[in-house]
Protein backbone atom coordinates (compact mmCIF):
# COMPACT_ATOMS: atom_id res chain seq x y z
CA MET A 1 103.31 110.41 63.74
CA ALA A 2 105.77 108.39 65.84
CA VAL A 3 105.18 107.82 69.55
CA TYR A 4 108.41 107.85 71.55
CA TYR A 5 106.93 107.42 75.03
CA ARG A 6 103.47 106.89 76.49
CA ASP A 7 102.09 106.24 79.96
CA ASP A 8 99.06 107.40 81.96
CA THR A 9 100.22 111.00 82.36
CA VAL A 10 102.91 111.67 79.72
CA ARG A 11 103.07 111.22 75.94
CA VAL A 12 105.95 112.17 73.69
CA THR A 13 105.34 112.04 69.94
CA SER A 14 107.14 113.33 66.87
CA SER A 15 105.06 116.52 66.86
CA TRP A 16 104.09 117.29 70.48
CA VAL A 17 104.62 116.42 74.12
CA GLN A 18 101.73 116.07 76.54
CA ALA A 19 102.11 116.01 80.32
CA TYR A 20 99.28 115.98 82.85
CA GLY A 21 96.72 117.07 80.24
CA LEU A 22 98.71 120.01 78.82
CA THR A 23 100.03 119.74 75.27
CA TYR A 24 103.12 121.51 73.96
CA PRO A 25 104.03 121.41 70.24
CA LEU A 26 107.68 120.55 69.71
CA SER A 27 108.03 123.54 67.40
CA ASP A 28 107.27 125.83 70.39
CA LEU A 29 110.02 124.32 72.57
CA SER A 30 113.31 126.19 72.35
CA TYR A 31 115.19 124.63 75.27
CA VAL A 32 114.86 121.50 77.42
CA TRP A 33 116.77 120.75 80.62
CA HIS A 34 116.51 118.65 83.74
CA ARG A 35 117.14 119.23 87.43
CA ARG A 36 117.58 117.05 90.47
CA THR A 37 115.92 118.55 93.53
CA ARG A 38 115.89 117.85 97.25
CA ARG A 39 114.38 114.66 98.56
CA ASP A 40 110.77 114.69 99.59
CA LEU A 41 108.96 112.57 102.17
CA ARG A 42 108.22 109.74 99.73
CA VAL A 43 111.89 109.39 98.76
CA GLY A 44 112.90 109.49 102.44
CA GLY A 45 110.45 106.67 103.12
CA ARG A 46 111.97 104.66 100.27
CA ILE A 47 115.45 105.06 101.76
CA ALA A 48 114.19 104.06 105.22
CA GLY A 49 112.50 101.02 103.65
CA ARG A 50 115.80 100.03 102.04
CA TRP A 51 117.54 100.10 105.39
CA ALA A 52 114.75 98.06 106.96
CA LEU A 53 114.96 95.41 104.22
CA VAL A 54 118.74 95.19 104.44
CA THR A 55 118.47 94.85 108.22
CA LEU A 56 115.85 92.12 107.87
CA LEU A 57 117.95 90.20 105.38
CA ALA A 58 121.13 90.54 107.46
CA ALA A 59 119.49 89.66 110.80
CA PRO A 60 120.39 85.94 110.78
CA VAL A 61 124.05 86.70 110.18
CA ALA A 62 124.12 89.41 112.83
CA VAL A 63 122.41 87.21 115.41
CA GLY A 64 124.86 84.37 114.75
CA ALA A 65 127.84 86.71 115.01
CA LEU A 66 126.55 88.12 118.30
CA TRP A 67 126.17 84.63 119.71
CA ILE A 68 129.69 83.65 118.68
CA LEU A 69 131.31 86.87 119.93
CA THR A 70 129.56 87.11 123.29
CA ASP A 71 129.64 84.93 126.37
CA TRP A 72 125.97 84.81 127.21
CA GLY A 73 124.21 82.15 129.16
CA SER A 74 123.06 79.01 127.42
CA THR A 75 119.38 80.09 127.37
CA VAL A 76 120.08 83.39 125.62
CA GLY A 77 122.54 81.72 123.26
CA LEU A 78 120.08 78.99 122.32
CA ALA A 79 117.34 81.55 121.76
CA LEU A 80 119.60 83.57 119.45
CA VAL A 81 120.67 80.49 117.52
CA GLY A 82 117.04 79.39 117.22
CA LEU A 83 116.01 82.83 115.97
CA ALA A 84 118.88 82.88 113.47
CA LEU A 85 117.97 79.42 112.20
CA VAL A 86 114.29 80.28 111.82
CA LEU A 87 115.04 83.51 109.98
CA GLY A 88 117.65 81.77 107.86
CA LEU A 89 115.24 79.00 106.88
CA ILE A 90 112.49 81.47 106.07
CA PHE A 91 114.70 83.55 103.79
CA THR A 92 116.76 80.84 102.14
CA LEU A 93 114.53 77.82 101.78
CA THR A 94 111.30 79.49 100.71
CA PRO A 95 110.36 81.75 97.82
CA LEU A 96 109.42 84.40 100.39
CA SER A 97 113.00 85.65 100.24
CA GLU A 98 112.33 86.97 96.74
CA ILE A 99 109.72 89.44 97.97
CA PRO A 100 112.04 91.63 100.07
CA LEU A 101 114.87 91.22 97.55
CA MET A 102 112.65 92.39 94.68
CA ALA A 103 111.40 95.30 96.79
CA LEU A 104 114.99 96.27 97.53
CA GLU A 105 115.93 96.09 93.85
CA ARG A 106 112.90 98.16 92.80
CA SER A 107 113.76 100.83 95.36
CA TYR A 108 117.24 101.20 93.84
CA ASP A 109 115.76 101.31 90.32
CA ARG A 110 113.52 104.20 91.32
CA GLY A 111 116.42 106.18 92.75
CA SER A 112 116.70 108.37 95.80
CA SER A 113 116.05 111.89 94.54
CA VAL A 114 113.39 113.92 92.76
CA HIS A 115 113.90 114.66 89.05
CA GLU A 116 112.31 117.48 87.06
CA ILE A 117 112.10 118.12 83.32
CA TRP A 118 111.80 121.76 82.36
CA VAL A 119 111.08 123.20 78.91
CA GLN A 120 111.18 126.69 77.52
CA CYS A 121 107.94 127.11 75.60
CA ARG A 122 107.35 130.41 73.77
CA GLY A 123 109.88 132.14 76.01
CA MET A 124 108.41 130.86 79.31
CA ASP A 125 110.00 128.26 81.61
CA VAL A 126 107.53 125.45 82.21
CA LEU A 127 107.87 122.50 84.58
CA LEU A 128 106.91 119.58 82.36
CA LEU A 129 107.43 116.69 84.77
CA ARG A 130 108.38 116.07 88.40
CA THR A 131 108.96 112.48 89.48
CA ASN A 132 110.93 110.49 92.02
CA ASP A 133 111.11 107.45 89.72
CA ALA A 134 114.58 107.63 88.13
CA LEU A 135 113.82 104.95 85.53
CA ARG A 136 110.67 106.69 84.30
CA PHE A 137 112.43 110.06 84.29
CA GLY A 138 115.24 108.68 82.12
CA GLN A 139 112.82 107.12 79.64
CA ILE A 140 110.80 110.32 79.27
CA TYR A 141 113.83 112.59 79.00
CA ARG A 142 115.46 110.39 76.36
CA ALA A 143 112.18 110.16 74.41
CA LEU A 144 111.91 113.95 74.46
CA GLN A 145 115.50 114.26 73.22
CA ARG A 146 114.82 111.82 70.36
CA ALA A 147 111.63 113.63 69.39
CA LEU A 148 113.40 117.00 69.34
CA GLU A 149 116.30 115.60 67.31
CA GLN A 150 113.90 114.15 64.72
CA SER A 151 111.89 117.37 64.47
CA GLU A 152 114.92 119.50 63.51
């Protein structure tokens, strides 16, 4: 028996698929499809986090541009330049800049919508999986396709 995908909640093998403790033999599956649904609160939080990270990473440039484009007093200008320099040093000269950049990259890998995998098992439509992780969804869906192709 070949295992096409396995994690804590889903397993796809050459003879069955198991999701959240329920097992479905591949011979009972007559149709498999996927759907993208509306965003939920978790996905909305991920999008808001992206905007916050982009804002944080762009802050030194924005502060410098504001200082150049405006005619503020010397105290405000020096404070803005000092803030831009401190933020610039923090994010360019230390490895700390990798943390928000990796978080931003991971948020794009996970996607910004909710994906569902549906199967028709013995004439009934069954929701097999619902996830907001686009990478995991793609791996599971492709593993299910490979398993079904091999079982024919």
